[in-house]
Amino acid sequence: MDAKETARKILDESYVGTMATVQQGKPFSRYMTFFNEDFTLYTATSKETDKVDELERNPNTHILIGYDGEGFGDSYLEIMGTVTISDEESLKEKVWNDHMKPWFTGPDDPDLVILKVTPDSMRLMNNNGEEPQDIQF
């Protein structure tokens, strides 16, 4: 399996990762649940969160996703991307699932927004002891 296929497999099988934003000039990370289509990632959040305010000021993010917790040898992705904040109804419908019910009333909840992460660069890390590999789109 080449690096791009491995990256796609990681994105298809991993849903939780860390997402960093810039808060008062310093990096700030939190766990997020991600969905992907091709190599674009999506995550749901409330428009009232600090991360939305941070991304409105600086739309750059860094995401780590794929680490299984098994230890050395777990492949994962480092993704640097640009975030677009969307309240587009069709995107909210597309991303919506029942796991969001504790936080939102449904895809039409006025507080729900979708963060669309368009990768600027992506690297496959820790893949069978190989050097990091850049993923080409």
N, C-alpha and C. Protein backbone atom coordinates (compact mmCIF):
# COMPACT_ATOMS: atom_id res chain seq x y z
N MET A 1 0.85 -1.18 0.00
CA MET A 1 0.00 0.00 0.00
C MET A 1 0.90 1.24 0.00
N ASP A 2 0.65 2.17 -0.92
CA ASP A 2 1.49 3.37 -0.95
C ASP A 2 1.01 4.39 0.10
N ALA A 3 1.75 5.48 0.25
CA ALA A 3 1.48 6.46 1.30
C ALA A 3 0.09 7.07 1.18
N LYS A 4 -0.34 7.36 -0.04
CA LYS A 4 -1.66 7.97 -0.23
C LYS A 4 -2.76 6.98 0.15
N GLU A 5 -2.61 5.73 -0.22
CA GLU A 5 -3.60 4.72 0.15
C GLU A 5 -3.64 4.51 1.66
N THR A 6 -2.47 4.53 2.29
CA THR A 6 -2.40 4.40 3.74
C THR A 6 -3.07 5.58 4.42
N ALA A 7 -2.83 6.79 3.90
CA ALA A 7 -3.46 7.99 4.45
C ALA A 7 -4.98 7.90 4.33
N ARG A 8 -5.46 7.47 3.17
CA ARG A 8 -6.91 7.33 2.97
C ARG A 8 -7.49 6.32 3.96
N LYS A 9 -6.78 5.20 4.17
CA LYS A 9 -7.23 4.17 5.11
C LYS A 9 -7.30 4.74 6.53
N ILE A 10 -6.28 5.51 6.93
CA ILE A 10 -6.29 6.13 8.26
C ILE A 10 -7.49 7.05 8.41
N LEU A 11 -7.75 7.88 7.42
CA LEU A 11 -8.89 8.80 7.50
C LEU A 11 -10.22 8.06 7.53
N ASP A 12 -10.31 6.96 6.79
CA ASP A 12 -11.56 6.19 6.76
C ASP A 12 -11.81 5.42 8.05
N GLU A 13 -10.75 5.10 8.79
CA GLU A 13 -10.90 4.28 9.99
C GLU A 13 -10.74 5.04 11.30
N SER A 14 -10.24 6.27 11.24
CA SER A 14 -9.99 7.06 12.45
C SER A 14 -10.96 8.23 12.49
N TYR A 15 -11.59 8.40 13.61
CA TYR A 15 -12.57 9.48 13.72
C TYR A 15 -12.17 10.54 14.73
N VAL A 16 -11.35 10.18 15.69
CA VAL A 16 -10.96 11.13 16.73
C VAL A 16 -9.50 11.53 16.54
N GLY A 17 -9.27 12.83 16.59
CA GLY A 17 -7.91 13.36 16.47
C GLY A 17 -7.82 14.66 17.24
N THR A 18 -6.63 15.23 17.25
CA THR A 18 -6.46 16.53 17.89
C THR A 18 -6.48 17.62 16.83
N MET A 19 -7.05 18.75 17.18
CA MET A 19 -7.12 19.91 16.29
C MET A 19 -6.55 21.10 17.05
N ALA A 20 -5.54 21.72 16.47
CA ALA A 20 -4.92 22.88 17.10
C ALA A 20 -5.35 24.16 16.40
N THR A 21 -5.59 25.17 17.21
CA THR A 21 -5.85 26.52 16.73
C THR A 21 -4.85 27.44 17.44
N VAL A 22 -4.96 28.73 17.17
CA VAL A 22 -4.10 29.71 17.84
C VAL A 22 -4.97 30.50 18.80
N GLN A 23 -4.60 30.44 20.09
CA GLN A 23 -5.34 31.13 21.14
C GLN A 23 -4.38 32.11 21.82
N GLN A 24 -4.64 33.39 21.67
CA GLN A 24 -3.79 34.44 22.25
C GLN A 24 -2.33 34.26 21.84
N GLY A 25 -2.13 33.94 20.55
CA GLY A 25 -0.78 33.82 20.00
C GLY A 25 -0.07 32.51 20.30
N LYS A 26 -0.77 31.57 20.96
CA LYS A 26 -0.15 30.30 21.30
C LYS A 26 -1.01 29.15 20.80
N PRO A 27 -0.38 28.00 20.50
CA PRO A 27 -1.17 26.86 20.02
C PRO A 27 -2.06 26.31 21.13
N PHE A 28 -3.24 25.85 20.74
CA PHE A 28 -4.19 25.24 21.66
C PHE A 28 -4.83 24.05 20.96
N SER A 29 -4.74 22.88 21.58
CA SER A 29 -5.26 21.65 20.96
C SER A 29 -6.42 21.09 21.75
N ARG A 30 -7.31 20.43 21.02
CA ARG A 30 -8.42 19.72 21.65
C ARG A 30 -8.78 18.54 20.78
N TYR A 31 -9.40 17.52 21.40
CA TYR A 31 -9.86 16.36 20.64
C TYR A 31 -11.13 16.73 19.91
N MET A 32 -11.23 16.25 18.68
CA MET A 32 -12.41 16.48 17.85
C MET A 32 -12.73 15.17 17.13
N THR A 33 -13.98 15.05 16.71
CA THR A 33 -14.41 13.93 15.89
C THR A 33 -14.46 14.39 14.44
N PHE A 34 -13.81 13.65 13.56
CA PHE A 34 -13.71 14.05 12.15
C PHE A 34 -14.41 13.06 11.23
N PHE A 35 -14.92 13.60 10.14
CA PHE A 35 -15.48 12.83 9.04
C PHE A 35 -14.71 13.30 7.82
N ASN A 36 -14.56 12.44 6.84
CA ASN A 36 -13.80 12.88 5.67
C ASN A 36 -14.50 12.50 4.38
N GLU A 37 -14.19 13.29 3.39
CA GLU A 37 -14.62 13.01 2.02
C GLU A 37 -13.41 13.31 1.17
N ASP A 38 -12.91 12.24 0.56
CA ASP A 38 -11.62 12.32 -0.13
C ASP A 38 -10.60 12.73 0.92
N PHE A 39 -9.91 13.82 0.81
CA PHE A 39 -8.96 14.22 1.84
C PHE A 39 -9.38 15.49 2.57
N THR A 40 -10.62 15.89 2.41
CA THR A 40 -11.17 17.02 3.14
C THR A 40 -11.82 16.50 4.41
N LEU A 41 -11.54 17.15 5.54
CA LEU A 41 -12.10 16.73 6.82
C LEU A 41 -13.20 17.69 7.24
N TYR A 42 -14.17 17.14 7.99
CA TYR A 42 -15.28 17.92 8.52
C TYR A 42 -15.45 17.57 9.99
N THR A 43 -15.78 18.57 10.80
CA THR A 43 -16.09 18.34 12.20
C THR A 43 -17.17 19.33 12.63
N ALA A 44 -18.03 18.88 13.51
CA ALA A 44 -19.14 19.71 13.98
C ALA A 44 -18.76 20.38 15.29
N THR A 45 -19.28 21.59 15.50
CA THR A 45 -19.08 22.30 16.75
C THR A 45 -20.16 23.36 16.90
N SER A 46 -20.20 23.95 18.07
CA SER A 46 -21.12 25.06 18.31
C SER A 46 -20.47 26.36 17.86
N LYS A 47 -21.26 27.23 17.27
CA LYS A 47 -20.70 28.51 16.83
C LYS A 47 -20.32 29.39 18.02
N GLU A 48 -20.70 28.98 19.23
CA GLU A 48 -20.39 29.75 20.44
C GLU A 48 -19.09 29.31 21.11
N THR A 49 -18.29 28.45 20.47
CA THR A 49 -17.07 27.95 21.09
C THR A 49 -15.88 28.88 20.84
N ASP A 50 -14.89 28.75 21.72
CA ASP A 50 -13.65 29.52 21.54
C ASP A 50 -12.98 29.17 20.22
N LYS A 51 -13.04 27.89 19.82
CA LYS A 51 -12.34 27.49 18.59
C LYS A 51 -12.89 28.22 17.38
N VAL A 52 -14.20 28.48 17.36
CA VAL A 52 -14.77 29.22 16.23
C VAL A 52 -14.23 30.65 16.22
N ASP A 53 -14.19 31.28 17.40
CA ASP A 53 -13.62 32.64 17.48
C ASP A 53 -12.16 32.63 17.03
N GLU A 54 -11.40 31.63 17.47
CA GLU A 54 -9.98 31.54 17.11
C GLU A 54 -9.81 31.34 15.60
N LEU A 55 -10.64 30.48 15.02
CA LEU A 55 -10.53 30.21 13.58
C LEU A 55 -11.01 31.37 12.73
N GLU A 56 -11.92 32.19 13.25
CA GLU A 56 -12.32 33.40 12.52
C GLU A 56 -11.15 34.38 12.45
N ARG A 57 -10.33 34.41 13.50
CA ARG A 57 -9.16 35.30 13.52
C ARG A 57 -7.99 34.71 12.73
N ASN A 58 -7.85 33.37 12.78
CA ASN A 58 -6.74 32.70 12.12
C ASN A 58 -7.23 31.33 11.68
N PRO A 59 -7.51 31.13 10.40
CA PRO A 59 -8.13 29.89 9.93
C PRO A 59 -7.18 28.70 9.78
N ASN A 60 -5.94 28.84 10.23
CA ASN A 60 -4.97 27.75 10.10
C ASN A 60 -5.12 26.76 11.25
N THR A 61 -4.95 25.48 10.91
CA THR A 61 -5.04 24.43 11.92
C THR A 61 -3.99 23.38 11.67
N HIS A 62 -3.73 22.60 12.71
CA HIS A 62 -2.84 21.43 12.62
C HIS A 62 -3.59 20.30 13.29
N ILE A 63 -3.71 19.17 12.58
CA ILE A 63 -4.47 18.02 13.07
C ILE A 63 -3.57 16.80 13.12
N LEU A 64 -3.69 16.03 14.19
CA LEU A 64 -3.07 14.71 14.30
C LEU A 64 -4.21 13.71 14.36
N ILE A 65 -4.15 12.69 13.51
CA ILE A 65 -5.22 11.69 13.50
C ILE A 65 -4.63 10.34 13.08
N GLY A 66 -5.13 9.30 13.69
CA GLY A 66 -4.76 7.95 13.28
C GLY A 66 -4.04 7.13 14.31
N TYR A 67 -3.49 7.74 15.33
CA TYR A 67 -2.73 6.99 16.32
C TYR A 67 -3.68 6.06 17.08
N ASP A 68 -3.34 4.78 17.13
CA ASP A 68 -4.20 3.78 17.77
C ASP A 68 -3.96 3.62 19.26
N GLY A 69 -2.85 4.13 19.76
CA GLY A 69 -2.53 3.94 21.16
C GLY A 69 -1.81 2.64 21.44
N GLU A 70 -1.40 1.95 20.38
CA GLU A 70 -0.71 0.67 20.54
C GLU A 70 0.77 0.87 20.83
N GLY A 71 1.28 2.06 20.56
CA GLY A 71 2.69 2.32 20.83
C GLY A 71 3.48 2.57 19.58
N PHE A 72 4.78 2.40 19.68
CA PHE A 72 5.67 2.64 18.55
C PHE A 72 5.23 1.81 17.36
N GLY A 73 5.16 2.44 16.22
CA GLY A 73 4.76 1.73 15.01
C GLY A 73 3.37 2.10 14.53
N ASP A 74 2.58 2.78 15.37
CA ASP A 74 1.25 3.22 14.93
C ASP A 74 1.40 4.33 13.89
N SER A 75 0.85 4.11 12.72
CA SER A 75 0.87 5.15 11.69
C SER A 75 -0.17 6.20 12.03
N TYR A 76 0.15 7.45 11.71
CA TYR A 76 -0.80 8.54 11.90
C TYR A 76 -0.50 9.63 10.88
N LEU A 77 -1.41 10.61 10.80
CA LEU A 77 -1.26 11.71 9.85
C LEU A 77 -1.06 13.02 10.60
N GLU A 78 -0.19 13.84 10.07
CA GLU A 78 -0.06 15.24 10.46
C GLU A 78 -0.66 16.04 9.31
N ILE A 79 -1.67 16.83 9.61
CA ILE A 79 -2.36 17.60 8.58
C ILE A 79 -2.31 19.08 8.93
N MET A 80 -1.77 19.86 8.03
CA MET A 80 -1.86 21.31 8.15
C MET A 80 -2.92 21.75 7.16
N GLY A 81 -3.88 22.54 7.66
CA GLY A 81 -4.98 22.91 6.78
C GLY A 81 -5.55 24.28 7.08
N THR A 82 -6.48 24.65 6.22
CA THR A 82 -7.20 25.91 6.35
C THR A 82 -8.66 25.58 6.60
N VAL A 83 -9.25 26.24 7.59
CA VAL A 83 -10.61 25.95 8.02
C VAL A 83 -11.59 26.99 7.49
N THR A 84 -12.70 26.48 6.97
CA THR A 84 -13.84 27.30 6.61
C THR A 84 -14.97 26.95 7.57
N ILE A 85 -15.61 27.96 8.14
CA ILE A 85 -16.73 27.75 9.07
C ILE A 85 -18.01 27.88 8.27
N SER A 86 -18.85 26.84 8.33
CA SER A 86 -20.05 26.82 7.49
C SER A 86 -21.30 26.51 8.31
N ASP A 87 -22.37 27.24 8.02
CA ASP A 87 -23.68 26.89 8.58
C ASP A 87 -24.63 26.49 7.44
N GLU A 88 -24.03 26.11 6.32
CA GLU A 88 -24.80 25.67 5.15
C GLU A 88 -25.61 24.42 5.51
N GLU A 89 -26.90 24.49 5.27
CA GLU A 89 -27.82 23.42 5.66
C GLU A 89 -27.46 22.07 5.04
N SER A 90 -27.09 22.06 3.77
CA SER A 90 -26.78 20.79 3.12
C SER A 90 -25.54 20.13 3.73
N LEU A 91 -24.57 20.92 4.14
CA LEU A 91 -23.37 20.38 4.78
C LEU A 91 -23.69 19.87 6.18
N LYS A 92 -24.53 20.60 6.90
CA LYS A 92 -24.94 20.15 8.23
C LYS A 92 -25.70 18.82 8.14
N GLU A 93 -26.55 18.68 7.15
CA GLU A 93 -27.29 17.42 6.93
C GLU A 93 -26.32 16.28 6.60
N LYS A 94 -25.33 16.59 5.79
CA LYS A 94 -24.36 15.58 5.35
C LYS A 94 -23.53 15.05 6.51
N VAL A 95 -23.13 15.92 7.42
CA VAL A 95 -22.25 15.55 8.52
C VAL A 95 -23.03 15.02 9.73
N TRP A 96 -24.30 15.38 9.84
CA TRP A 96 -25.10 15.03 11.03
C TRP A 96 -25.14 13.52 11.27
N ASN A 97 -25.03 13.14 12.54
CA ASN A 97 -25.29 11.76 12.96
C ASN A 97 -25.82 11.79 14.40
N ASP A 98 -26.37 10.68 14.83
CA ASP A 98 -27.02 10.61 16.14
C ASP A 98 -26.07 10.83 17.31
N HIS A 99 -24.78 10.65 17.11
CA HIS A 99 -23.82 10.90 18.19
C HIS A 99 -23.76 12.37 18.59
N MET A 100 -24.31 13.25 17.75
CA MET A 100 -24.29 14.68 18.05
C MET A 100 -25.47 15.11 18.92
N LYS A 101 -26.43 14.22 19.16
CA LYS A 101 -27.64 14.57 19.90
C LYS A 101 -27.41 15.13 21.30
N PRO A 102 -26.36 14.71 22.03
CA PRO A 102 -26.17 15.33 23.35
C PRO A 102 -25.87 16.83 23.30
N TRP A 103 -25.40 17.31 22.15
CA TRP A 103 -25.00 18.71 22.04
C TRP A 103 -25.93 19.55 21.17
N PHE A 104 -26.62 18.92 20.22
CA PHE A 104 -27.44 19.66 19.27
C PHE A 104 -28.80 18.98 19.12
N THR A 105 -29.83 19.77 18.82
CA THR A 105 -31.17 19.22 18.67
C THR A 105 -31.35 18.51 17.34
N GLY A 106 -30.50 18.80 16.38
CA GLY A 106 -30.57 18.19 15.06
C GLY A 106 -29.77 19.02 14.09
N PRO A 107 -29.75 18.63 12.82
CA PRO A 107 -28.96 19.37 11.84
C PRO A 107 -29.45 20.80 11.62
N ASP A 108 -30.66 21.08 12.06
CA ASP A 108 -31.20 22.44 11.91
C ASP A 108 -30.96 23.30 13.15
N ASP A 109 -30.24 22.78 14.14
CA ASP A 109 -29.92 23.54 15.35
C ASP A 109 -29.16 24.80 14.95
N PRO A 110 -29.62 25.99 15.37
CA PRO A 110 -28.96 27.23 14.96
C PRO A 110 -27.54 27.41 15.51
N ASP A 111 -27.17 26.65 16.56
CA ASP A 111 -25.81 26.75 17.10
C ASP A 111 -24.82 25.87 16.37
N LEU A 112 -25.30 24.89 15.59
CA LEU A 112 -24.43 23.95 14.90
C LEU A 112 -23.75 24.60 13.69
N VAL A 113 -22.43 24.47 13.65
CA VAL A 113 -21.67 24.85 12.46
C VAL A 113 -20.73 23.70 12.13
N ILE A 114 -20.32 23.65 10.89
CA ILE A 114 -19.38 22.62 10.44
C ILE A 114 -18.07 23.30 10.08
N LEU A 115 -16.99 22.73 10.62
CA LEU A 115 -15.65 23.20 10.27
C LEU A 115 -15.15 22.31 9.14
N LYS A 116 -14.91 22.93 8.01
CA LYS A 116 -14.39 22.22 6.84
C LYS A 116 -12.88 22.48 6.78
N VAL A 117 -12.10 21.40 6.85
CA VAL A 117 -10.64 21.52 6.86
C VAL A 117 -10.12 21.08 5.49
N THR A 118 -9.59 22.04 4.75
CA THR A 118 -8.97 21.77 3.47
C THR A 118 -7.47 21.63 3.70
N PRO A 119 -6.92 20.44 3.47
CA PRO A 119 -5.48 20.25 3.76
C PRO A 119 -4.61 21.11 2.85
N ASP A 120 -3.62 21.74 3.46
CA ASP A 120 -2.57 22.43 2.72
C ASP A 120 -1.40 21.47 2.52
N SER A 121 -1.18 20.63 3.53
CA SER A 121 -0.16 19.58 3.44
C SER A 121 -0.55 18.45 4.39
N MET A 122 -0.05 17.27 4.07
CA MET A 122 -0.35 16.09 4.88
C MET A 122 0.88 15.19 4.84
N ARG A 123 1.25 14.67 6.03
CA ARG A 123 2.38 13.75 6.10
C ARG A 123 1.97 12.48 6.83
N LEU A 124 2.37 11.38 6.26
CA LEU A 124 2.19 10.08 6.89
C LEU A 124 3.38 9.86 7.81
N MET A 125 3.10 9.61 9.08
CA MET A 125 4.14 9.50 10.09
C MET A 125 4.17 8.08 10.66
N ASN A 126 5.38 7.64 11.05
CA ASN A 126 5.56 6.42 11.82
C ASN A 126 5.02 5.19 11.09
N ASN A 127 5.16 5.17 9.79
CA ASN A 127 4.64 4.06 8.98
C ASN A 127 5.71 2.98 8.86
N ASN A 128 5.64 1.99 9.71
CA ASN A 128 6.59 0.87 9.69
C ASN A 128 8.05 1.33 9.77
N GLY A 129 8.30 2.36 10.56
CA GLY A 129 9.66 2.84 10.75
C GLY A 129 10.22 3.66 9.61
N GLU A 130 9.41 3.95 8.60
CA GLU A 130 9.87 4.75 7.45
C GLU A 130 9.96 6.23 7.82
N GLU A 131 10.70 6.97 7.03
CA GLU A 131 10.74 8.41 7.19
C GLU A 131 9.35 8.98 6.90
N PRO A 132 9.02 10.17 7.44
CA PRO A 132 7.73 10.78 7.10
C PRO A 132 7.57 10.92 5.60
N GLN A 133 6.35 10.69 5.13
CA GLN A 133 6.07 10.75 3.70
C GLN A 133 5.01 11.80 3.41
N ASP A 134 5.32 12.72 2.52
CA ASP A 134 4.34 13.72 2.11
C ASP A 134 3.29 13.08 1.22
N ILE A 135 2.04 13.44 1.47
CA ILE A 135 0.92 12.94 0.66
C ILE A 135 0.65 13.97 -0.44
N GLN A 136 0.65 13.52 -1.65
CA GLN A 136 0.37 14.40 -2.79
C GLN A 136 -1.11 14.27 -3.18
N PHE A 137 -1.75 15.40 -3.39
CA PHE A 137 -3.17 15.40 -3.78
C PHE A 137 -3.32 15.54 -5.27
